[in-house]
Amino acid sequence: MNDNSFRDDIRAAVDVLRRGGIIVYPTDTVWGIGCDATSPEAVRRVFDLKQRADAKALITLVGSLAQLERTVDCIPEVAYQLIEYSERPTTIVYDHPAPSAGIAPELLADDGTIGVRVTGETFSKALCETFRKPIVSTSANISGQPAPASFAEIAAGILDGADYVCLSRRDEPAQNKPSSVIRLSEGGLFKIIRP
């Protein structure tokens, strides 16, 4: 895919996100379903598409540390080290979102925590930075089914239910796995949820 096609793909995806739509897009882990993380209606549509109980929180993706700092209320110092030195994508569960971030309540766990990952992957990073808001990132599968390791493994029902399916990275071979998930709290609690 050339630079113009890449930019056109990002632009088309962002247009859909701004209108409250749902996209299917490549991330730093598996292919994901995404929407504006500040739109309760869009988040509910993602739950419906995945046929997932809304009691299960969804991960939010940001494209930089600056965007993370606007999204999360208090970031423990160790989080910066985990983000910088982790060898694989790592989602960190924080105590609460920043009040000014406007994160949809539907994204939060029952205890008010929020899972956020800083992506370094080219497409999803450009998407987050162009959109300028956090984006939902949940695997592009029906709840309970295996996460798709490649674009070819995404079920037709997921693709048909999205408002836009990104063109970038569709031909790449299966290789990525879901992120590791670590719970960090301001009080120093550190728990590995998914290794």
N, C-alpha and C. Protein backbone atom coordinates (compact mmCIF):
# COMPACT_ATOMS: atom_id res chain seq x y z
N MET A 1 0.85 -1.19 0.00
CA MET A 1 0.00 0.00 0.00
C MET A 1 0.89 1.24 0.00
N ASN A 2 0.64 2.17 -0.93
CA ASN A 2 1.47 3.37 -0.98
C ASN A 2 1.01 4.42 0.03
N ASP A 3 1.79 5.51 0.16
CA ASP A 3 1.50 6.54 1.15
C ASP A 3 0.12 7.17 0.96
N ASN A 4 -0.26 7.42 -0.30
CA ASN A 4 -1.56 8.02 -0.55
C ASN A 4 -2.69 7.11 -0.11
N SER A 5 -2.57 5.82 -0.43
CA SER A 5 -3.60 4.86 -0.04
C SER A 5 -3.69 4.75 1.48
N PHE A 6 -2.52 4.75 2.15
CA PHE A 6 -2.47 4.70 3.61
C PHE A 6 -3.21 5.90 4.20
N ARG A 7 -2.89 7.09 3.70
CA ARG A 7 -3.54 8.31 4.21
C ARG A 7 -5.04 8.30 3.92
N ASP A 8 -5.43 7.84 2.74
CA ASP A 8 -6.85 7.76 2.39
C ASP A 8 -7.58 6.80 3.33
N ASP A 9 -6.93 5.69 3.65
CA ASP A 9 -7.52 4.70 4.55
C ASP A 9 -7.71 5.30 5.95
N ILE A 10 -6.70 5.99 6.44
CA ILE A 10 -6.80 6.66 7.74
C ILE A 10 -7.92 7.69 7.72
N ARG A 11 -7.96 8.50 6.67
CA ARG A 11 -8.97 9.56 6.55
C ARG A 11 -10.38 8.98 6.54
N ALA A 12 -10.58 7.91 5.78
CA ALA A 12 -11.90 7.29 5.70
C ALA A 12 -12.32 6.71 7.05
N ALA A 13 -11.38 6.07 7.73
CA ALA A 13 -11.69 5.50 9.04
C ALA A 13 -12.03 6.60 10.06
N VAL A 14 -11.27 7.68 10.05
CA VAL A 14 -11.52 8.78 10.98
C VAL A 14 -12.87 9.45 10.69
N ASP A 15 -13.22 9.59 9.43
CA ASP A 15 -14.54 10.16 9.08
C ASP A 15 -15.66 9.32 9.69
N VAL A 16 -15.53 8.00 9.62
CA VAL A 16 -16.54 7.11 10.20
C VAL A 16 -16.56 7.24 11.72
N LEU A 17 -15.39 7.28 12.35
CA LEU A 17 -15.32 7.43 13.81
C LEU A 17 -15.98 8.73 14.26
N ARG A 18 -15.74 9.80 13.52
CA ARG A 18 -16.31 11.11 13.90
C ARG A 18 -17.83 11.13 13.78
N ARG A 19 -18.37 10.27 12.92
CA ARG A 19 -19.83 10.20 12.77
C ARG A 19 -20.46 9.19 13.73
N GLY A 20 -19.65 8.63 14.63
CA GLY A 20 -20.18 7.66 15.59
C GLY A 20 -20.25 6.26 15.05
N GLY A 21 -19.51 5.97 13.97
CA GLY A 21 -19.54 4.65 13.35
C GLY A 21 -18.55 3.69 13.95
N ILE A 22 -18.61 2.46 13.45
CA ILE A 22 -17.74 1.37 13.89
C ILE A 22 -16.81 0.99 12.74
N ILE A 23 -15.54 0.76 13.08
CA ILE A 23 -14.57 0.33 12.07
C ILE A 23 -13.95 -1.02 12.47
N VAL A 24 -13.43 -1.72 11.49
CA VAL A 24 -12.58 -2.89 11.72
C VAL A 24 -11.21 -2.48 11.21
N TYR A 25 -10.19 -2.62 12.06
CA TYR A 25 -8.88 -2.06 11.72
C TYR A 25 -7.73 -2.87 12.30
N PRO A 26 -6.54 -2.77 11.66
CA PRO A 26 -5.37 -3.48 12.19
C PRO A 26 -4.79 -2.72 13.38
N THR A 27 -4.32 -3.47 14.37
CA THR A 27 -3.72 -2.85 15.55
C THR A 27 -2.34 -3.44 15.78
N ASP A 28 -1.76 -3.13 16.92
CA ASP A 28 -0.46 -3.68 17.29
C ASP A 28 -0.58 -5.12 17.78
N THR A 29 -1.80 -5.63 17.89
CA THR A 29 -2.02 -7.03 18.28
C THR A 29 -2.85 -7.68 17.17
N VAL A 30 -4.08 -8.06 17.47
CA VAL A 30 -4.96 -8.68 16.47
C VAL A 30 -5.79 -7.60 15.78
N TRP A 31 -6.50 -7.98 14.70
CA TRP A 31 -7.44 -7.05 14.07
C TRP A 31 -8.51 -6.69 15.11
N GLY A 32 -8.91 -5.42 15.11
CA GLY A 32 -9.83 -4.96 16.12
C GLY A 32 -11.09 -4.32 15.57
N ILE A 33 -12.09 -4.25 16.44
CA ILE A 33 -13.29 -3.45 16.19
C ILE A 33 -13.09 -2.17 16.99
N GLY A 34 -13.32 -1.03 16.35
CA GLY A 34 -13.09 0.24 17.02
C GLY A 34 -14.23 1.21 16.85
N CYS A 35 -14.25 2.17 17.76
CA CYS A 35 -15.20 3.28 17.69
C CYS A 35 -14.65 4.39 18.57
N ASP A 36 -15.31 5.54 18.55
CA ASP A 36 -14.96 6.67 19.40
C ASP A 36 -15.18 6.26 20.86
N ALA A 37 -14.13 6.27 21.66
CA ALA A 37 -14.23 5.84 23.07
C ALA A 37 -15.02 6.83 23.92
N THR A 38 -15.40 7.98 23.36
CA THR A 38 -16.19 8.94 24.12
C THR A 38 -17.67 8.90 23.74
N SER A 39 -18.06 7.98 22.87
CA SER A 39 -19.45 7.88 22.41
C SER A 39 -20.16 6.66 22.99
N PRO A 40 -21.03 6.86 23.99
CA PRO A 40 -21.74 5.71 24.57
C PRO A 40 -22.53 4.92 23.52
N GLU A 41 -23.14 5.63 22.56
CA GLU A 41 -23.94 4.94 21.54
C GLU A 41 -23.06 4.03 20.69
N ALA A 42 -21.90 4.55 20.27
CA ALA A 42 -20.99 3.75 19.45
C ALA A 42 -20.46 2.55 20.23
N VAL A 43 -20.13 2.76 21.50
CA VAL A 43 -19.64 1.66 22.34
C VAL A 43 -20.71 0.58 22.47
N ARG A 44 -21.95 0.98 22.66
CA ARG A 44 -23.04 -0.02 22.75
C ARG A 44 -23.18 -0.80 21.44
N ARG A 45 -22.97 -0.15 20.31
CA ARG A 45 -23.02 -0.85 19.02
C ARG A 45 -21.91 -1.90 18.92
N VAL A 46 -20.73 -1.59 19.48
CA VAL A 46 -19.63 -2.56 19.47
C VAL A 46 -20.02 -3.78 20.31
N PHE A 47 -20.59 -3.56 21.49
CA PHE A 47 -21.04 -4.67 22.33
C PHE A 47 -22.06 -5.53 21.57
N ASP A 48 -22.99 -4.87 20.89
CA ASP A 48 -24.02 -5.59 20.12
C ASP A 48 -23.38 -6.42 19.00
N LEU A 49 -22.43 -5.81 18.29
CA LEU A 49 -21.78 -6.50 17.17
C LEU A 49 -21.03 -7.74 17.65
N LYS A 50 -20.36 -7.60 18.80
CA LYS A 50 -19.60 -8.73 19.34
C LYS A 50 -20.49 -9.74 20.08
N GLN A 51 -21.75 -9.36 20.30
CA GLN A 51 -22.68 -10.19 21.10
C GLN A 51 -22.07 -10.45 22.47
N ARG A 52 -21.59 -9.36 23.05
CA ARG A 52 -20.86 -9.45 24.32
C ARG A 52 -21.63 -8.74 25.42
N ALA A 53 -21.63 -9.31 26.61
CA ALA A 53 -22.28 -8.68 27.75
C ALA A 53 -21.58 -7.37 28.07
N ASP A 54 -22.35 -6.32 28.31
CA ASP A 54 -21.72 -5.02 28.55
C ASP A 54 -21.11 -4.90 29.93
N ALA A 55 -21.17 -5.97 30.72
CA ALA A 55 -20.50 -5.96 32.02
C ALA A 55 -19.00 -6.15 31.85
N LYS A 56 -18.57 -6.59 30.66
CA LYS A 56 -17.14 -6.79 30.40
C LYS A 56 -16.58 -5.52 29.77
N ALA A 57 -15.61 -4.91 30.43
CA ALA A 57 -15.02 -3.66 29.93
C ALA A 57 -14.23 -3.92 28.64
N LEU A 58 -14.10 -2.88 27.83
CA LEU A 58 -13.33 -2.96 26.59
C LEU A 58 -12.05 -2.15 26.73
N ILE A 59 -11.04 -2.51 25.95
CA ILE A 59 -9.76 -1.80 25.95
C ILE A 59 -9.86 -0.54 25.09
N THR A 60 -9.12 0.47 25.49
CA THR A 60 -9.04 1.72 24.74
C THR A 60 -7.61 1.89 24.23
N LEU A 61 -7.48 2.37 23.01
CA LEU A 61 -6.17 2.54 22.37
C LEU A 61 -5.86 4.02 22.22
N VAL A 62 -4.61 4.40 22.53
CA VAL A 62 -4.14 5.76 22.29
C VAL A 62 -2.82 5.68 21.52
N GLY A 63 -2.44 6.80 20.87
CA GLY A 63 -1.28 6.78 20.00
C GLY A 63 -0.01 7.36 20.57
N SER A 64 -0.06 7.87 21.82
CA SER A 64 1.14 8.50 22.39
C SER A 64 0.99 8.60 23.90
N LEU A 65 2.11 8.87 24.57
CA LEU A 65 2.06 9.10 26.02
C LEU A 65 1.25 10.35 26.33
N ALA A 66 1.36 11.37 25.48
CA ALA A 66 0.58 12.60 25.71
C ALA A 66 -0.92 12.30 25.67
N GLN A 67 -1.33 11.47 24.73
CA GLN A 67 -2.74 11.10 24.65
C GLN A 67 -3.15 10.26 25.86
N LEU A 68 -2.26 9.38 26.31
CA LEU A 68 -2.53 8.60 27.52
C LEU A 68 -2.75 9.52 28.71
N GLU A 69 -1.91 10.54 28.84
CA GLU A 69 -2.00 11.46 29.97
C GLU A 69 -3.29 12.28 29.95
N ARG A 70 -3.86 12.47 28.77
CA ARG A 70 -5.17 13.16 28.68
C ARG A 70 -6.33 12.21 28.95
N THR A 71 -6.06 10.91 28.88
CA THR A 71 -7.12 9.90 29.00
C THR A 71 -7.25 9.35 30.41
N VAL A 72 -6.12 9.21 31.11
CA VAL A 72 -6.10 8.58 32.43
C VAL A 72 -5.86 9.62 33.51
N ASP A 73 -6.57 9.47 34.63
CA ASP A 73 -6.51 10.46 35.71
C ASP A 73 -5.15 10.49 36.40
N CYS A 74 -4.65 9.35 36.81
CA CYS A 74 -3.37 9.30 37.52
C CYS A 74 -2.58 8.10 37.00
N ILE A 75 -1.39 8.36 36.50
CA ILE A 75 -0.56 7.30 35.92
C ILE A 75 0.59 7.00 36.87
N PRO A 76 0.62 5.80 37.48
CA PRO A 76 1.75 5.46 38.35
C PRO A 76 3.06 5.48 37.54
N GLU A 77 4.13 5.86 38.17
CA GLU A 77 5.43 6.00 37.50
C GLU A 77 5.85 4.70 36.81
N VAL A 78 5.55 3.56 37.42
CA VAL A 78 5.96 2.28 36.85
C VAL A 78 5.28 2.03 35.49
N ALA A 79 4.14 2.68 35.25
CA ALA A 79 3.45 2.50 33.96
C ALA A 79 4.33 2.96 32.81
N TYR A 80 5.02 4.07 32.99
CA TYR A 80 5.90 4.58 31.93
C TYR A 80 7.00 3.58 31.60
N GLN A 81 7.53 2.93 32.64
CA GLN A 81 8.58 1.93 32.42
C GLN A 81 8.02 0.71 31.70
N LEU A 82 6.83 0.28 32.10
CA LEU A 82 6.21 -0.87 31.43
C LEU A 82 5.96 -0.58 29.95
N ILE A 83 5.47 0.61 29.67
CA ILE A 83 5.19 0.98 28.28
C ILE A 83 6.47 1.01 27.46
N GLU A 84 7.52 1.56 28.04
CA GLU A 84 8.78 1.71 27.30
C GLU A 84 9.52 0.39 27.11
N TYR A 85 9.49 -0.47 28.12
CA TYR A 85 10.37 -1.64 28.08
C TYR A 85 9.67 -2.96 27.79
N SER A 86 8.35 -3.00 27.76
CA SER A 86 7.66 -4.27 27.46
C SER A 86 8.01 -4.72 26.05
N GLU A 87 8.28 -6.01 25.92
CA GLU A 87 8.66 -6.55 24.62
C GLU A 87 7.46 -6.83 23.73
N ARG A 88 6.28 -6.88 24.31
CA ARG A 88 5.07 -7.07 23.52
C ARG A 88 4.02 -6.04 23.94
N PRO A 89 3.01 -5.83 23.11
CA PRO A 89 1.98 -4.84 23.47
C PRO A 89 1.37 -5.14 24.84
N THR A 90 1.25 -4.11 25.65
CA THR A 90 0.77 -4.27 27.02
C THR A 90 -0.34 -3.28 27.31
N THR A 91 -1.48 -3.82 27.72
CA THR A 91 -2.60 -2.98 28.15
C THR A 91 -2.49 -2.83 29.65
N ILE A 92 -2.61 -1.60 30.12
CA ILE A 92 -2.54 -1.34 31.55
C ILE A 92 -3.92 -0.88 32.03
N VAL A 93 -4.37 -1.49 33.12
CA VAL A 93 -5.65 -1.12 33.71
C VAL A 93 -5.37 -0.10 34.82
N TYR A 94 -5.92 1.10 34.64
CA TYR A 94 -5.71 2.21 35.58
C TYR A 94 -6.95 2.41 36.45
N ASP A 95 -6.75 3.12 37.58
CA ASP A 95 -7.85 3.32 38.53
C ASP A 95 -9.05 4.05 37.94
N HIS A 96 -8.82 5.15 37.22
CA HIS A 96 -9.94 5.85 36.58
C HIS A 96 -9.48 6.68 35.40
N PRO A 97 -10.45 6.94 34.49
CA PRO A 97 -10.14 7.86 33.39
C PRO A 97 -10.08 9.29 33.90
N ALA A 98 -9.44 10.16 33.15
CA ALA A 98 -9.44 11.58 33.48
C ALA A 98 -10.86 12.11 33.26
N PRO A 99 -11.41 12.88 34.20
CA PRO A 99 -12.77 13.39 34.03
C PRO A 99 -12.95 14.18 32.73
N SER A 100 -11.91 14.91 32.32
CA SER A 100 -12.01 15.73 31.12
C SER A 100 -11.95 14.91 29.83
N ALA A 101 -11.57 13.62 29.92
CA ALA A 101 -11.43 12.79 28.72
C ALA A 101 -12.79 12.43 28.11
N GLY A 102 -13.83 12.43 28.93
CA GLY A 102 -15.17 12.12 28.43
C GLY A 102 -15.34 10.68 27.99
N ILE A 103 -14.60 9.76 28.61
CA ILE A 103 -14.68 8.34 28.23
C ILE A 103 -16.10 7.82 28.51
N ALA A 104 -16.64 7.07 27.56
CA ALA A 104 -17.98 6.50 27.72
C ALA A 104 -18.01 5.58 28.95
N PRO A 105 -19.00 5.75 29.83
CA PRO A 105 -19.07 4.90 31.04
C PRO A 105 -19.13 3.41 30.71
N GLU A 106 -19.66 3.08 29.54
CA GLU A 106 -19.78 1.67 29.12
C GLU A 106 -18.43 0.99 28.94
N LEU A 107 -17.35 1.76 28.82
CA LEU A 107 -16.01 1.18 28.65
C LEU A 107 -15.36 0.80 29.97
N LEU A 108 -15.91 1.28 31.07
CA LEU A 108 -15.29 1.07 32.36
C LEU A 108 -15.74 -0.24 32.99
N ALA A 109 -14.85 -0.84 33.77
CA ALA A 109 -15.21 -2.02 34.55
C ALA A 109 -16.12 -1.59 35.69
N ASP A 110 -16.72 -2.56 36.37
CA ASP A 110 -17.65 -2.25 37.46
C ASP A 110 -17.01 -1.40 38.55
N ASP A 111 -15.69 -1.55 38.75
CA ASP A 111 -15.00 -0.77 39.78
C ASP A 111 -14.50 0.58 39.27
N GLY A 112 -14.88 0.95 38.03
CA GLY A 112 -14.50 2.26 37.49
C GLY A 112 -13.15 2.30 36.80
N THR A 113 -12.45 1.15 36.74
CA THR A 113 -11.13 1.13 36.12
C THR A 113 -11.24 1.17 34.59
N ILE A 114 -10.13 1.54 33.96
CA ILE A 114 -10.09 1.63 32.49
C ILE A 114 -8.81 1.00 31.97
N GLY A 115 -8.94 0.16 30.94
CA GLY A 115 -7.78 -0.47 30.31
C GLY A 115 -7.35 0.31 29.08
N VAL A 116 -6.09 0.76 29.08
CA VAL A 116 -5.58 1.58 27.97
C VAL A 116 -4.24 1.03 27.49
N ARG A 117 -4.06 1.02 26.17
CA ARG A 117 -2.78 0.61 25.59
C ARG A 117 -2.26 1.71 24.67
N VAL A 118 -0.98 2.00 24.78
CA VAL A 118 -0.33 2.93 23.86
C VAL A 118 0.20 2.10 22.71
N THR A 119 -0.30 2.35 21.51
CA THR A 119 0.13 1.56 20.36
C THR A 119 1.31 2.23 19.66
N GLY A 120 2.26 1.40 19.24
CA GLY A 120 3.38 1.91 18.46
C GLY A 120 3.31 1.44 17.01
N GLU A 121 2.29 0.65 16.70
CA GLU A 121 2.11 0.11 15.34
C GLU A 121 1.70 1.24 14.41
N THR A 122 2.22 1.25 13.22
CA THR A 122 2.09 2.40 12.31
C THR A 122 0.65 2.81 12.03
N PHE A 123 -0.19 1.87 11.64
CA PHE A 123 -1.55 2.23 11.25
C PHE A 123 -2.38 2.71 12.44
N SER A 124 -2.44 1.92 13.50
CA SER A 124 -3.29 2.29 14.64
C SER A 124 -2.79 3.55 15.34
N LYS A 125 -1.47 3.75 15.34
CA LYS A 125 -0.91 4.98 15.93
C LYS A 125 -1.35 6.20 15.11
N ALA A 126 -1.23 6.11 13.78
CA ALA A 126 -1.67 7.22 12.92
C ALA A 126 -3.16 7.47 13.06
N LEU A 127 -3.93 6.39 13.21
CA LEU A 127 -5.38 6.52 13.38
C LEU A 127 -5.71 7.28 14.66
N CYS A 128 -5.09 6.89 15.77
CA CYS A 128 -5.33 7.56 17.06
C CYS A 128 -4.89 9.02 17.00
N GLU A 129 -3.74 9.28 16.40
CA GLU A 129 -3.23 10.65 16.36
C GLU A 129 -4.07 11.54 15.44
N THR A 130 -4.57 10.99 14.34
CA THR A 130 -5.41 11.77 13.43
C THR A 130 -6.78 12.03 14.04
N PHE A 131 -7.34 11.02 14.70
CA PHE A 131 -8.66 11.15 15.34
C PHE A 131 -8.59 12.08 16.55
N ARG A 132 -7.44 12.07 17.23
CA ARG A 132 -7.18 12.94 18.40
C ARG A 132 -8.04 12.62 19.62
N LYS A 133 -8.57 11.41 19.64
CA LYS A 133 -9.31 10.93 20.81
C LYS A 133 -9.00 9.44 20.96
N PRO A 134 -9.21 8.90 22.16
CA PRO A 134 -9.01 7.46 22.33
C PRO A 134 -10.00 6.66 21.47
N ILE A 135 -9.56 5.49 21.04
CA ILE A 135 -10.38 4.61 20.19
C ILE A 135 -10.54 3.26 20.88
N VAL A 136 -11.76 2.74 20.87
CA VAL A 136 -12.00 1.40 21.40
C VAL A 136 -11.20 0.40 20.57
N SER A 137 -10.65 -0.60 21.25
CA SER A 137 -9.92 -1.66 20.56
C SER A 137 -10.29 -2.99 21.21
N THR A 138 -11.16 -3.73 20.53
CA THR A 138 -11.54 -5.05 21.00
C THR A 138 -11.41 -6.01 19.82
N SER A 139 -11.01 -7.23 20.08
CA SER A 139 -10.74 -8.16 18.98
C SER A 139 -11.96 -8.32 18.07
N ALA A 140 -11.68 -8.47 16.78
CA ALA A 140 -12.74 -8.51 15.75
C ALA A 140 -13.34 -9.91 15.65
N ASN A 141 -14.02 -10.31 16.72
CA ASN A 141 -14.66 -11.62 16.76
C ASN A 141 -15.94 -11.55 17.59
N ILE A 142 -16.79 -12.55 17.41
CA ILE A 142 -17.95 -12.71 18.28
C ILE A 142 -17.43 -13.15 19.64
N SER A 143 -18.01 -12.62 20.70
CA SER A 143 -17.57 -12.95 22.04
C SER A 143 -17.57 -14.47 22.25
N GLY A 144 -16.48 -14.99 22.80
CA GLY A 144 -16.36 -16.42 23.04
C GLY A 144 -15.68 -17.18 21.92
N GLN A 145 -15.58 -16.57 20.74
CA GLN A 145 -14.88 -17.18 19.61
C GLN A 145 -13.41 -16.77 19.64
N PRO A 146 -12.53 -17.53 18.97
CA PRO A 146 -11.11 -17.15 18.97
C PRO A 146 -10.89 -15.78 18.30
N ALA A 147 -9.92 -15.03 18.81
CA ALA A 147 -9.57 -13.75 18.18
C ALA A 147 -8.91 -14.04 16.84
N PRO A 148 -9.24 -13.26 15.80
CA PRO A 148 -8.65 -13.52 14.48
C PRO A 148 -7.17 -13.14 14.45
N ALA A 149 -6.33 -14.08 14.02
CA ALA A 149 -4.89 -13.81 13.95
C ALA A 149 -4.54 -13.07 12.66
N SER A 150 -5.45 -13.08 11.70
CA SER A 150 -5.23 -12.36 10.44
C SER A 150 -6.57 -11.84 9.93
N PHE A 151 -6.52 -10.97 8.95
CA PHE A 151 -7.75 -10.41 8.38
C PHE A 151 -8.64 -11.52 7.82
N ALA A 152 -8.04 -12.52 7.20
CA ALA A 152 -8.80 -13.60 6.55
C ALA A 152 -9.64 -14.40 7.55
N GLU A 153 -9.29 -14.33 8.83
CA GLU A 153 -10.01 -15.10 9.85
C GLU A 153 -11.20 -14.35 10.46
N ILE A 154 -11.42 -13.11 10.06
CA ILE A 154 -12.53 -12.34 10.63
C ILE A 154 -13.84 -12.84 10.04
N ALA A 155 -14.82 -13.11 10.89
CA ALA A 155 -16.12 -13.62 10.46
C ALA A 155 -16.85 -12.58 9.61
N ALA A 156 -17.59 -13.07 8.62
CA ALA A 156 -18.33 -12.19 7.72
C ALA A 156 -19.31 -11.30 8.49
N GLY A 157 -19.91 -11.83 9.55
CA GLY A 157 -20.88 -11.05 10.34
C GLY A 157 -20.25 -9.82 10.97
N ILE A 158 -18.99 -9.94 11.38
CA ILE A 158 -18.27 -8.79 11.96
C ILE A 158 -18.00 -7.75 10.87
N LEU A 159 -17.50 -8.21 9.72
CA LEU A 159 -17.20 -7.28 8.62
C LEU A 159 -18.47 -6.59 8.12
N ASP A 160 -19.56 -7.34 8.00
CA ASP A 160 -20.83 -6.77 7.52
C ASP A 160 -21.42 -5.77 8.51
N GLY A 161 -21.14 -5.97 9.80
CA GLY A 161 -21.71 -5.10 10.83
C GLY A 161 -20.96 -3.80 11.04
N ALA A 162 -19.77 -3.69 10.44
CA ALA A 162 -18.96 -2.47 10.59
C ALA A 162 -19.36 -1.44 9.53
N ASP A 163 -19.14 -0.18 9.85
CA ASP A 163 -19.41 0.90 8.90
C ASP A 163 -18.25 1.12 7.95
N TYR A 164 -17.04 0.69 8.37
CA TYR A 164 -15.88 0.79 7.50
C TYR A 164 -14.88 -0.29 7.88
N VAL A 165 -14.33 -0.97 6.88
CA VAL A 165 -13.30 -1.99 7.10
C VAL A 165 -12.03 -1.47 6.44
N CYS A 166 -11.01 -1.25 7.25
CA CYS A 166 -9.76 -0.67 6.75
C CYS A 166 -9.10 -1.59 5.72
N LEU A 167 -8.38 -0.96 4.80
CA LEU A 167 -7.73 -1.68 3.70
C LEU A 167 -6.29 -2.08 4.03
N SER A 168 -5.67 -1.34 4.92
CA SER A 168 -4.25 -1.56 5.25
C SER A 168 -4.03 -2.89 5.94
N ARG A 169 -2.90 -3.53 5.61
CA ARG A 169 -2.38 -4.73 6.29
C ARG A 169 -3.27 -5.98 6.14
N ARG A 170 -4.19 -5.97 5.20
CA ARG A 170 -5.08 -7.13 5.03
C ARG A 170 -4.34 -8.39 4.60
N ASP A 171 -3.24 -8.24 3.85
CA ASP A 171 -2.55 -9.40 3.29
C ASP A 171 -1.47 -9.98 4.18
N GLU A 172 -1.30 -9.41 5.37
CA GLU A 172 -0.23 -9.90 6.23
C GLU A 172 -0.57 -11.27 6.81
N PRO A 173 0.43 -12.14 6.96
CA PRO A 173 0.18 -13.47 7.53
C PRO A 173 -0.18 -13.38 9.02
N ALA A 174 -0.83 -14.41 9.50
CA ALA A 174 -1.19 -14.46 10.92
C ALA A 174 0.08 -14.44 11.77
N GLN A 175 0.11 -13.57 12.77
CA GLN A 175 1.28 -13.53 13.63
C GLN A 175 1.00 -12.95 15.01
N ASN A 176 0.07 -12.04 15.12
CA ASN A 176 -0.11 -11.32 16.37
C ASN A 176 -1.06 -12.02 17.34
N LYS A 177 -0.83 -11.75 18.63
CA LYS A 177 -1.68 -12.28 19.69
C LYS A 177 -2.22 -11.10 20.50
N PRO A 178 -3.30 -11.34 21.28
CA PRO A 178 -3.79 -10.25 22.14
C PRO A 178 -2.69 -9.74 23.08
N SER A 179 -2.86 -8.53 23.56
CA SER A 179 -1.86 -7.93 24.45
C SER A 179 -1.86 -8.60 25.82
N SER A 180 -0.76 -8.42 26.53
CA SER A 180 -0.77 -8.78 27.94
C SER A 180 -1.55 -7.67 28.66
N VAL A 181 -2.15 -8.00 29.81
CA VAL A 181 -2.95 -7.03 30.56
C VAL A 181 -2.45 -7.00 31.99
N ILE A 182 -2.11 -5.80 32.46
CA ILE A 182 -1.58 -5.61 33.82
C ILE A 182 -2.42 -4.57 34.54
N ARG A 183 -2.79 -4.86 35.76
CA ARG A 183 -3.55 -3.91 36.58
C ARG A 183 -2.58 -3.15 37.48
N LEU A 184 -2.61 -1.83 37.37
CA LEU A 184 -1.77 -0.97 38.22
C LEU A 184 -2.69 -0.04 38.99
N SER A 185 -2.38 0.20 40.24
CA SER A 185 -3.17 1.19 40.97
C SER A 185 -2.24 2.20 41.62
N GLU A 186 -2.82 3.35 41.96
CA GLU A 186 -2.04 4.42 42.58
C GLU A 186 -1.40 3.96 43.88
N GLY A 187 -2.02 3.00 44.55
CA GLY A 187 -1.50 2.50 45.82
C GLY A 187 -0.37 1.51 45.66
N GLY A 188 0.07 1.24 44.44
CA GLY A 188 1.18 0.34 44.20
C GLY A 188 0.79 -1.09 43.88
N LEU A 189 -0.54 -1.36 43.82
CA LEU A 189 -0.98 -2.70 43.46
C LEU A 189 -0.56 -3.03 42.05
N PHE A 190 -0.04 -4.23 41.84
CA PHE A 190 0.44 -4.66 40.53
C PHE A 190 -0.04 -6.09 40.35
N LYS A 191 -0.90 -6.32 39.36
CA LYS A 191 -1.44 -7.67 39.15
C LYS A 191 -1.46 -7.99 37.67
N ILE A 192 -0.93 -9.15 37.30
CA ILE A 192 -0.98 -9.59 35.90
C ILE A 192 -2.32 -10.27 35.66
N ILE A 193 -3.13 -9.70 34.77
CA ILE A 193 -4.45 -10.24 34.46
C ILE A 193 -4.37 -11.22 33.31
N ARG A 194 -3.59 -10.85 32.28
CA ARG A 194 -3.38 -11.76 31.14
C ARG A 194 -1.91 -11.70 30.78
N PRO A 195 -1.16 -12.80 30.97
CA PRO A 195 0.29 -12.76 30.70
C PRO A 195 0.61 -12.54 29.22
